[in-house]
């Protein structure tokens, strides 16, 4: 009789240990989930990366493929005065766009600009693709130039995001429109952006002209975000066990008791007389 009692006691201890272990695992899992859910990404040090395709002539119907480029810049500046932050080696040659803007020439100007936004995978109204077209003109028959492009988040400082290749403009011709198709890959928080275009001489890097939101509404209040923030929402089915006050704790207890009853039934089968 004592041997049978010891066997029963041993089985009960095993069952109690199993239940305690299951509860410990459940609590540990919930704790990890709570920790993960409370962590938010810090984008203050996130590098900005963009990829651009160039069409130097012929506008959006142009066949001249200027190739592609990838640009990487320091983290975006979103607060403070609307000054220009130049990040490229080319625009830096002119001593920084803020000081170079004082040497604007009336011999060059940007006649017009147009923007088409594309790629909104999560359909939240914010895009990571910018199709920018602009037409630069001059009093000369021909001139070689390049442009530096900037983005301003919510009225903050200008942040350079791309640089065109060198291209030629021919007087006031409309056939020399330049198209820059850019995809913002990372480092651009969701928000409304303005675009600024600055034109430089390809020979000595001197500032020639600028065109921005003060010149046309096409370049202001553009809803943008980078590719990493534009991920489509995927619905996941998660089964969670709650240990707080409410029905979740009761359901968990019932589930464990049911499991315990099944184990007991198998361990101590009812014998018919």
C-alpha atoms as a PDB file:
ATOM      1  CA  UNK A   1       0.000   0.000   0.000  1.00  0.00           C
ATOM      2  CA  UNK A   2       2.874   2.343   0.863  1.00  0.00           C
ATOM      3  CA  UNK A   3       4.509   1.651  -2.500  1.00  0.00           C
ATOM      4  CA  UNK A   4       1.293   2.565  -4.355  1.00  0.00           C
ATOM      5  CA  UNK A   5       0.976   5.752  -2.283  1.00  0.00           C
ATOM      6  CA  UNK A   6       4.564   6.738  -3.110  1.00  0.00           C
ATOM      7  CA  UNK A   7       3.904   6.183  -6.797  1.00  0.00           C
ATOM      8  CA  UNK A   8       0.783   8.359  -6.714  1.00  0.00           C
ATOM      9  CA  UNK A   9       2.617  11.068  -4.779  1.00  0.00           C
ATOM     10  CA  UNK A  10       5.443  11.032  -7.328  1.00  0.00           C
ATOM     11  CA  UNK A  11       3.014  11.398 -10.230  1.00  0.00           C
ATOM     12  CA  UNK A  12       1.232  14.260  -8.508  1.00  0.00           C
ATOM     13  CA  UNK A  13       4.526  16.072  -7.969  1.00  0.00           C
ATOM     14  CA  UNK A  14       5.356  15.608 -11.645  1.00  0.00           C
ATOM     15  CA  UNK A  15       1.971  17.029 -12.677  1.00  0.00           C
ATOM     16  CA  UNK A  16       2.300  20.021 -10.367  1.00  0.00           C
ATOM     17  CA  UNK A  17       5.796  20.703 -11.750  1.00  0.00           C
ATOM     18  CA  UNK A  18       4.460  20.581 -15.307  1.00  0.00           C
ATOM     19  CA  UNK A  19       1.691  23.087 -14.513  1.00  0.00           C
ATOM     20  CA  UNK A  20       4.133  25.475 -12.787  1.00  0.00           C
ATOM     21  CA  UNK A  21       6.519  25.236 -15.743  1.00  0.00           C
ATOM     22  CA  UNK A  22       3.726  26.000 -18.224  1.00  0.00           C
ATOM     23  CA  UNK A  23       2.675  29.056 -16.207  1.00  0.00           C
ATOM     24  CA  UNK A  24       6.287  30.262 -16.021  1.00  0.00           C
ATOM     25  CA  UNK A  25       6.734  29.930 -19.787  1.00  0.00           C
ATOM     26  CA  UNK A  26       3.477  31.792 -20.423  1.00  0.00           C
ATOM     27  CA  UNK A  27       4.427  34.666 -18.100  1.00  0.00           C
ATOM     28  CA  UNK A  28       7.896  34.885 -19.670  1.00  0.00           C
ATOM     29  CA  UNK A  29       6.423  35.055 -23.174  1.00  0.00           C
ATOM     30  CA  UNK A  30       4.002  37.810 -22.208  1.00  0.00           C
ATOM     31  CA  UNK A  31       6.841  39.773 -20.618  1.00  0.00           C
ATOM     32  CA  UNK A  32       8.914  39.615 -23.797  1.00  0.00           C
ATOM     33  CA  UNK A  33       5.937  40.683 -25.906  1.00  0.00           C
ATOM     34  CA  UNK A  34       5.323  43.647 -23.621  1.00  0.00           C
ATOM     35  CA  UNK A  35       8.969  44.663 -23.851  1.00  0.00           C
ATOM     36  CA  UNK A  36       9.021  44.454 -27.663  1.00  0.00           C
ATOM     37  CA  UNK A  37       5.791  46.389 -27.973  1.00  0.00           C
ATOM     38  CA  UNK A  38       7.110  49.246 -25.876  1.00  0.00           C
ATOM     39  CA  UNK A  39      10.219  49.866 -27.964  1.00  0.00           C
ATOM     40  CA  UNK A  40      10.027  52.560 -30.620  1.00  0.00           C
ATOM     41  CA  UNK A  41      12.541  53.268 -33.374  1.00  0.00           C
ATOM     42  CA  UNK A  42      14.853  56.248 -32.977  1.00  0.00           C
ATOM     43  CA  UNK A  43      15.257  57.914 -36.349  1.00  0.00           C
ATOM     44  CA  UNK A  44      17.359  60.832 -35.112  1.00  0.00           C
ATOM     45  CA  UNK A  45      20.567  59.192 -36.356  1.00  0.00           C
ATOM     46  CA  UNK A  46      19.156  57.495 -39.456  1.00  0.00           C
ATOM     47  CA  UNK A  47      21.164  58.078 -42.615  1.00  0.00           C
ATOM     48  CA  UNK A  48      19.243  59.317 -45.654  1.00  0.00           C
ATOM     49  CA  UNK A  49      19.521  57.203 -48.798  1.00  0.00           C
ATOM     50  CA  UNK A  50      17.894  57.833 -52.182  1.00  0.00           C
ATOM     51  CA  UNK A  51      18.172  56.272 -55.641  1.00  0.00           C
ATOM     52  CA  UNK A  52      17.625  58.392 -58.753  1.00  0.00           C
ATOM     53  CA  UNK A  53      17.230  57.858 -62.482  1.00  0.00           C
ATOM     54  CA  UNK A  54      18.176  60.675 -64.872  1.00  0.00           C
ATOM     55  CA  UNK A  55      16.565  61.794 -68.143  1.00  0.00           C
ATOM     56  CA  UNK A  56      18.672  64.805 -69.227  1.00  0.00           C
ATOM     57  CA  UNK A  57      16.679  65.826 -72.328  1.00  0.00           C
ATOM     58  CA  UNK A  58      13.240  65.466 -73.818  1.00  0.00           C
ATOM     59  CA  UNK A  59      11.199  65.562 -70.638  1.00  0.00           C
ATOM     60  CA  UNK A  60       9.183  62.540 -69.519  1.00  0.00           C
ATOM     61  CA  UNK A  61       8.949  61.347 -73.120  1.00  0.00           C
ATOM     62  CA  UNK A  62      12.693  61.670 -73.635  1.00  0.00           C
ATOM     63  CA  UNK A  63      14.707  58.694 -74.800  1.00  0.00           C
ATOM     64  CA  UNK A  64      18.051  59.927 -73.487  1.00  0.00           C
ATOM     65  CA  UNK A  65      18.884  57.766 -70.498  1.00  0.00           C
ATOM     66  CA  UNK A  66      21.358  59.458 -68.203  1.00  0.00           C
ATOM     67  CA  UNK A  67      21.769  56.398 -66.013  1.00  0.00           C
ATOM     68  CA  UNK A  68      21.147  56.176 -62.284  1.00  0.00           C
ATOM     69  CA  UNK A  69      22.779  57.281 -59.064  1.00  0.00           C
ATOM     70  CA  UNK A  70      22.591  56.593 -55.343  1.00  0.00           C
ATOM     71  CA  UNK A  71      22.973  59.378 -52.813  1.00  0.00           C
ATOM     72  CA  UNK A  72      23.631  59.093 -49.084  1.00  0.00           C
ATOM     73  CA  UNK A  73      23.426  62.000 -46.647  1.00  0.00           C
ATOM     74  CA  UNK A  74      23.500  62.773 -42.945  1.00  0.00           C
ATOM     75  CA  UNK A  75      20.274  62.437 -40.909  1.00  0.00           C
ATOM     76  CA  UNK A  76      17.517  64.836 -41.856  1.00  0.00           C
ATOM     77  CA  UNK A  77      17.182  68.176 -40.099  1.00  0.00           C
ATOM     78  CA  UNK A  78      13.549  68.997 -39.406  1.00  0.00           C
ATOM     79  CA  UNK A  79      13.677  71.797 -36.846  1.00  0.00           C
ATOM     80  CA  UNK A  80      14.953  75.357 -36.879  1.00  0.00           C
ATOM     81  CA  UNK A  81      15.171  78.007 -39.567  1.00  0.00           C
ATOM     82  CA  UNK A  82      14.793  77.184 -43.240  1.00  0.00           C
ATOM     83  CA  UNK A  83      18.464  77.342 -44.190  1.00  0.00           C
ATOM     84  CA  UNK A  84      20.118  75.161 -46.798  1.00  0.00           C
ATOM     85  CA  UNK A  85      22.114  72.098 -45.810  1.00  0.00           C
ATOM     86  CA  UNK A  86      24.461  71.086 -48.622  1.00  0.00           C
ATOM     87  CA  UNK A  87      25.824  67.561 -48.547  1.00  0.00           C
ATOM     88  CA  UNK A  88      27.329  66.960 -51.978  1.00  0.00           C
ATOM     89  CA  UNK A  89      30.901  67.668 -53.006  1.00  0.00           C
ATOM     90  CA  UNK A  90      29.706  69.523 -56.072  1.00  0.00           C
ATOM     91  CA  UNK A  91      27.497  72.064 -54.321  1.00  0.00           C
ATOM     92  CA  UNK A  92      30.122  72.449 -51.594  1.00  0.00           C
ATOM     93  CA  UNK A  93      32.576  73.771 -54.220  1.00  0.00           C
ATOM     94  CA  UNK A  94      30.540  76.943 -54.488  1.00  0.00           C
ATOM     95  CA  UNK A  95      31.074  77.658 -50.805  1.00  0.00           C
ATOM     96  CA  UNK A  96      27.697  76.373 -49.657  1.00  0.00           C
ATOM     97  CA  UNK A  97      24.401  77.235 -51.281  1.00  0.00           C
ATOM     98  CA  UNK A  98      23.387  79.716 -48.614  1.00  0.00           C
ATOM     99  CA  UNK A  99      26.211  82.141 -49.465  1.00  0.00           C
ATOM    100  CA  UNK A 100      26.263  81.292 -53.167  1.00  0.00           C
ATOM    101  CA  UNK A 101      22.635  82.334 -53.555  1.00  0.00           C
ATOM    102  CA  UNK A 102      23.720  85.953 -53.232  1.00  0.00           C
ATOM    103  CA  UNK A 103      25.476  85.738 -56.602  1.00  0.00           C
ATOM    104  CA  UNK A 104      22.341  84.951 -58.573  1.00  0.00           C
ATOM    105  CA  UNK A 105      22.607  85.724 -62.284  1.00  0.00           C
ATOM    106  CA  UNK A 106      19.773  87.192 -64.336  1.00  0.00           C
ATOM    107  CA  UNK A 107      21.212  85.378 -67.337  1.00  0.00           C
ATOM    108  CA  UNK A 108      19.771  82.075 -66.092  1.00  0.00           C
ATOM    109  CA  UNK A 109      16.416  81.099 -64.650  1.00  0.00           C
ATOM    110  CA  UNK A 110      14.155  78.096 -64.159  1.00  0.00           C
ATOM    111  CA  UNK A 111      11.034  78.599 -66.197  1.00  0.00           C
ATOM    112  CA  UNK A 112       8.814  75.900 -64.686  1.00  0.00           C
ATOM    113  CA  UNK A 113       8.739  72.693 -62.643  1.00  0.00           C
ATOM    114  CA  UNK A 114       6.324  69.826 -62.230  1.00  0.00           C
ATOM    115  CA  UNK A 115       6.124  66.936 -59.745  1.00  0.00           C
ATOM    116  CA  UNK A 116       4.452  63.542 -59.956  1.00  0.00           C
ATOM    117  CA  UNK A 117       4.453  61.328 -56.869  1.00  0.00           C
ATOM    118  CA  UNK A 118       4.393  57.533 -57.119  1.00  0.00           C
ATOM    119  CA  UNK A 119       4.685  54.352 -55.023  1.00  0.00           C
ATOM    120  CA  UNK A 120       2.384  54.258 -52.017  1.00  0.00           C
ATOM    121  CA  UNK A 121       2.365  50.550 -51.141  1.00  0.00           C
ATOM    122  CA  UNK A 122       0.552  50.884 -47.819  1.00  0.00           C
ATOM    123  CA  UNK A 123      -2.014  53.303 -49.332  1.00  0.00           C
ATOM    124  CA  UNK A 124      -1.768  55.834 -46.527  1.00  0.00           C
ATOM    125  CA  UNK A 125      -1.495  58.804 -48.885  1.00  0.00           C
ATOM    126  CA  UNK A 126       2.279  59.223 -48.474  1.00  0.00           C
ATOM    127  CA  UNK A 127       4.640  58.340 -51.335  1.00  0.00           C
ATOM    128  CA  UNK A 128       8.322  57.444 -51.557  1.00  0.00           C
ATOM    129  CA  UNK A 129       8.720  58.177 -55.289  1.00  0.00           C
ATOM    130  CA  UNK A 130       9.349  61.672 -56.730  1.00  0.00           C
ATOM    131  CA  UNK A 131       9.200  62.320 -60.469  1.00  0.00           C
ATOM    132  CA  UNK A 132      10.540  65.872 -60.807  1.00  0.00           C
ATOM    133  CA  UNK A 133      10.652  67.740 -64.138  1.00  0.00           C
ATOM    134  CA  UNK A 134      12.077  71.241 -64.547  1.00  0.00           C
ATOM    135  CA  UNK A 135      12.969  73.521 -67.451  1.00  0.00           C
ATOM    136  CA  UNK A 136      16.045  75.747 -67.069  1.00  0.00           C
ATOM    137  CA  UNK A 137      16.583  78.605 -69.527  1.00  0.00           C
ATOM    138  CA  UNK A 138      19.326  81.113 -70.381  1.00  0.00           C
ATOM    139  CA  UNK A 139      19.975  84.139 -72.551  1.00  0.00           C
ATOM    140  CA  UNK A 140      22.894  82.255 -74.145  1.00  0.00           C
ATOM    141  CA  UNK A 141      22.539  79.877 -77.044  1.00  0.00           C
ATOM    142  CA  UNK A 142      23.964  77.009 -74.991  1.00  0.00           C
ATOM    143  CA  UNK A 143      25.302  76.499 -71.456  1.00  0.00           C
ATOM    144  CA  UNK A 144      26.376  73.521 -69.367  1.00  0.00           C
ATOM    145  CA  UNK A 145      24.810  73.344 -65.917  1.00  0.00           C
ATOM    146  CA  UNK A 146      23.764  70.999 -63.122  1.00  0.00           C
ATOM    147  CA  UNK A 147      21.168  71.222 -60.356  1.00  0.00           C
ATOM    148  CA  UNK A 148      21.093  70.407 -56.654  1.00  0.00           C
ATOM    149  CA  UNK A 149      17.746  69.295 -55.220  1.00  0.00           C
ATOM    150  CA  UNK A 150      16.547  69.815 -51.660  1.00  0.00           C
ATOM    151  CA  UNK A 151      13.691  68.662 -49.433  1.00  0.00           C
ATOM    152  CA  UNK A 152      12.272  70.537 -46.448  1.00  0.00           C
ATOM    153  CA  UNK A 153      10.198  68.631 -43.872  1.00  0.00           C
ATOM    154  CA  UNK A 154       7.300  70.590 -42.403  1.00  0.00           C
ATOM    155  CA  UNK A 155       8.914  73.962 -43.131  1.00  0.00           C
ATOM    156  CA  UNK A 156      12.285  73.018 -41.609  1.00  0.00           C
ATOM    157  CA  UNK A 157      15.788  73.393 -43.047  1.00  0.00           C
ATOM    158  CA  UNK A 158      16.560  72.449 -46.628  1.00  0.00           C
ATOM    159  CA  UNK A 159      18.175  69.012 -46.877  1.00  0.00           C
ATOM    160  CA  UNK A 160      19.928  68.062 -50.101  1.00  0.00           C
ATOM    161  CA  UNK A 161      18.575  64.770 -51.476  1.00  0.00           C
ATOM    162  CA  UNK A 162      20.000  64.474 -55.002  1.00  0.00           C
ATOM    163  CA  UNK A 163      22.222  66.086 -57.637  1.00  0.00           C
ATOM    164  CA  UNK A 164      21.660  65.980 -61.388  1.00  0.00           C
ATOM    165  CA  UNK A 165      24.283  65.132 -63.940  1.00  0.00           C
ATOM    166  CA  UNK A 166      25.780  67.878 -66.033  1.00  0.00           C
ATOM    167  CA  UNK A 167      23.453  68.790 -68.889  1.00  0.00           C
ATOM    168  CA  UNK A 168      23.147  71.408 -71.590  1.00  0.00           C
ATOM    169  CA  UNK A 169      20.427  74.017 -71.889  1.00  0.00           C
ATOM    170  CA  UNK A 170      19.697  75.817 -75.158  1.00  0.00           C
ATOM    171  CA  UNK A 171      18.329  79.336 -74.792  1.00  0.00           C
ATOM    172  CA  UNK A 172      14.638  79.198 -73.940  1.00  0.00           C
ATOM    173  CA  UNK A 173      14.015  75.855 -75.582  1.00  0.00           C
ATOM    174  CA  UNK A 174      11.454  73.525 -73.993  1.00  0.00           C
ATOM    175  CA  UNK A 175      13.148  70.417 -75.383  1.00  0.00           C
ATOM    176  CA  UNK A 176      15.925  70.522 -72.757  1.00  0.00           C
ATOM    177  CA  UNK A 177      13.694  69.749 -69.765  1.00  0.00           C
ATOM    178  CA  UNK A 178      15.466  67.616 -67.173  1.00  0.00           C
ATOM    179  CA  UNK A 179      13.706  64.773 -65.327  1.00  0.00           C
ATOM    180  CA  UNK A 180      14.930  63.303 -62.056  1.00  0.00           C
ATOM    181  CA  UNK A 181      13.054  60.222 -60.833  1.00  0.00           C
ATOM    182  CA  UNK A 182      13.963  59.544 -57.201  1.00  0.00           C
ATOM    183  CA  UNK A 183      13.006  56.870 -54.710  1.00  0.00           C
ATOM    184  CA  UNK A 184      13.517  57.760 -51.060  1.00  0.00           C
ATOM    185  CA  UNK A 185      14.839  54.565 -49.495  1.00  0.00           C
ATOM    186  CA  UNK A 186      15.494  55.505 -45.852  1.00  0.00           C
ATOM    187  CA  UNK A 187      15.850  58.447 -43.472  1.00  0.00           C
ATOM    188  CA  UNK A 188      12.772  60.426 -44.545  1.00  0.00           C
ATOM    189  CA  UNK A 189      10.019  60.494 -41.879  1.00  0.00           C
ATOM    190  CA  UNK A 190       6.383  60.635 -42.907  1.00  0.00           C
ATOM    191  CA  UNK A 191       5.216  64.211 -43.461  1.00  0.00           C
ATOM    192  CA  UNK A 192       4.683  67.097 -45.870  1.00  0.00           C
ATOM    193  CA  UNK A 193       7.758  68.217 -47.809  1.00  0.00           C
ATOM    194  CA  UNK A 194       8.708  71.153 -50.039  1.00  0.00           C
ATOM    195  CA  UNK A 195      11.222  70.924 -52.896  1.00  0.00           C
ATOM    196  CA  UNK A 196      13.871  73.470 -53.851  1.00  0.00           C
ATOM    197  CA  UNK A 197      15.896  73.396 -57.105  1.00  0.00           C
ATOM    198  CA  UNK A 198      19.178  75.276 -57.411  1.00  0.00           C
ATOM    199  CA  UNK A 199      21.028  75.640 -60.691  1.00  0.00           C
ATOM    200  CA  UNK A 200      24.846  75.841 -60.906  1.00  0.00           C
ATOM    201  CA  UNK A 201      27.378  76.495 -63.647  1.00  0.00           C
ATOM    202  CA  UNK A 202      29.094  73.218 -64.610  1.00  0.00           C
ATOM    203  CA  UNK A 203      32.367  75.052 -65.343  1.00  0.00           C
ATOM    204  CA  UNK A 204      33.050  76.964 -62.097  1.00  0.00           C
ATOM    205  CA  UNK A 205      30.199  75.743 -59.827  1.00  0.00           C
ATOM    206  CA  UNK A 206      28.845  79.270 -59.400  1.00  0.00           C
ATOM    207  CA  UNK A 207      25.207  79.670 -58.382  1.00  0.00           C
ATOM    208  CA  UNK A 208      22.879  80.644 -61.245  1.00  0.00           C
ATOM    209  CA  UNK A 209      19.224  80.399 -60.226  1.00  0.00           C
ATOM    210  CA  UNK A 210      16.750  78.760 -57.863  1.00  0.00           C
ATOM    211  CA  UNK A 211      13.133  77.637 -57.998  1.00  0.00           C
ATOM    212  CA  UNK A 212      11.025  76.535 -55.042  1.00  0.00           C
ATOM    213  CA  UNK A 213       7.662  76.646 -53.262  1.00  0.00           C
ATOM    214  CA  UNK A 214       7.637  80.452 -53.367  1.00  0.00           C
ATOM    215  CA  UNK A 215       7.667  80.234 -57.162  1.00  0.00           C
ATOM    216  CA  UNK A 216       5.112  77.456 -57.723  1.00  0.00           C
ATOM    217  CA  UNK A 217       2.629  75.447 -55.673  1.00  0.00           C
ATOM    218  CA  UNK A 218       3.845  72.319 -57.488  1.00  0.00           C
ATOM    219  CA  UNK A 219       6.824  72.145 -55.136  1.00  0.00           C
ATOM    220  CA  UNK A 220       5.070  72.474 -51.783  1.00  0.00           C
ATOM    221  CA  UNK A 221       3.117  70.253 -49.361  1.00  0.00           C
ATOM    222  CA  UNK A 222       4.164  66.973 -50.953  1.00  0.00           C
ATOM    223  CA  UNK A 223       3.129  63.937 -48.824  1.00  0.00           C
ATOM    224  CA  UNK A 224       6.276  61.806 -48.638  1.00  0.00           C
ATOM    225  CA  UNK A 225       7.932  59.060 -46.618  1.00  0.00           C
ATOM    226  CA  UNK A 226      10.759  56.655 -47.316  1.00  0.00           C
ATOM    227  CA  UNK A 227      10.473  53.102 -48.636  1.00  0.00           C
ATOM    228  CA  UNK A 228      11.113  51.560 -45.215  1.00  0.00           C
ATOM    229  CA  UNK A 229       8.116  53.381 -43.764  1.00  0.00           C
ATOM    230  CA  UNK A 230       5.872  52.474 -46.686  1.00  0.00           C
ATOM    231  CA  UNK A 231       5.682  48.722 -45.985  1.00  0.00           C
ATOM    232  CA  UNK A 232       2.203  47.273 -46.626  1.00  0.00           C
ATOM    233  CA  UNK A 233       0.301  46.363 -43.473  1.00  0.00           C
ATOM    234  CA  UNK A 234       0.241  42.591 -42.946  1.00  0.00           C
ATOM    235  CA  UNK A 235      -2.501  41.258 -40.708  1.00  0.00           C
ATOM    236  CA  UNK A 236      -1.188  38.698 -38.252  1.00  0.00           C
ATOM    237  CA  UNK A 237      -3.263  36.421 -36.041  1.00  0.00           C
ATOM    238  CA  UNK A 238      -1.769  36.349 -32.537  1.00  0.00           C
ATOM    239  CA  UNK A 239      -2.896  34.113 -29.712  1.00  0.00           C
ATOM    240  CA  UNK A 240      -2.103  35.753 -26.381  1.00  0.00           C
ATOM    241  CA  UNK A 241      -2.610  34.578 -22.803  1.00  0.00           C
ATOM    242  CA  UNK A 242      -3.539  37.378 -20.409  1.00  0.00           C
ATOM    243  CA  UNK A 243      -2.688  37.257 -16.724  1.00  0.00           C
ATOM    244  CA  UNK A 244      -4.439  40.450 -15.742  1.00  0.00           C
ATOM    245  CA  UNK A 245      -7.926  40.940 -14.363  1.00  0.00           C
ATOM    246  CA  UNK A 246     -10.559  39.828 -16.812  1.00  0.00           C
ATOM    247  CA  UNK A 247     -11.683  36.874 -18.896  1.00  0.00           C
ATOM    248  CA  UNK A 248      -8.195  36.103 -20.243  1.00  0.00           C
ATOM    249  CA  UNK A 249      -6.941  34.817 -16.883  1.00  0.00           C
ATOM    250  CA  UNK A 250     -10.075  32.700 -16.361  1.00  0.00           C
ATOM    251  CA  UNK A 251      -9.768  31.154 -19.806  1.00  0.00           C
ATOM    252  CA  UNK A 252      -6.124  30.316 -19.159  1.00  0.00           C
ATOM    253  CA  UNK A 253      -6.971  28.636 -15.838  1.00  0.00           C
ATOM    254  CA  UNK A 254      -9.757  26.585 -17.427  1.00  0.00           C
ATOM    255  CA  UNK A 255      -7.414  25.491 -20.214  1.00  0.00           C
ATOM    256  CA  UNK A 256      -4.761  24.366 -17.731  1.00  0.00           C
ATOM    257  CA  UNK A 257      -7.311  22.513 -15.573  1.00  0.00           C
ATOM    258  CA  UNK A 258      -8.669  20.735 -18.631  1.00  0.00           C
ATOM    259  CA  UNK A 259      -5.158  19.699 -19.614  1.00  0.00           C
ATOM    260  CA  UNK A 260      -4.515  18.511 -16.057  1.00  0.00           C
ATOM    261  CA  UNK A 261      -7.736  16.450 -16.092  1.00  0.00           C
ATOM    262  CA  UNK A 262      -6.692  14.727 -19.321  1.00  0.00           C
ATOM    263  CA  UNK A 263      -3.288  13.884 -17.872  1.00  0.00           C
ATOM    264  CA  UNK A 264      -4.870  12.549 -14.661  1.00  0.00           C
ATOM    265  CA  UNK A 265      -7.342  10.456 -16.642  1.00  0.00           C
ATOM    266  CA  UNK A 266      -4.499   8.867 -18.580  1.00  0.00           C
ATOM    267  CA  UNK A 267      -2.344   8.399 -15.506  1.00  0.00           C
ATOM    268  CA  UNK A 268      -5.113   6.904 -13.345  1.00  0.00           C
ATOM    269  CA  UNK A 269      -7.603   5.144 -15.618  1.00  0.00           C
ATOM    270  CA  UNK A 270     -10.965   4.261 -14.095  1.00  0.00           C
ATOM    271  CA  UNK A 271     -11.260   0.546 -13.728  1.00  0.00           C
ATOM    272  CA  UNK A 272     -14.592  -1.142 -13.981  1.00  0.00           C
ATOM    273  CA  UNK A 273     -15.540  -3.552 -11.200  1.00  0.00           C
END
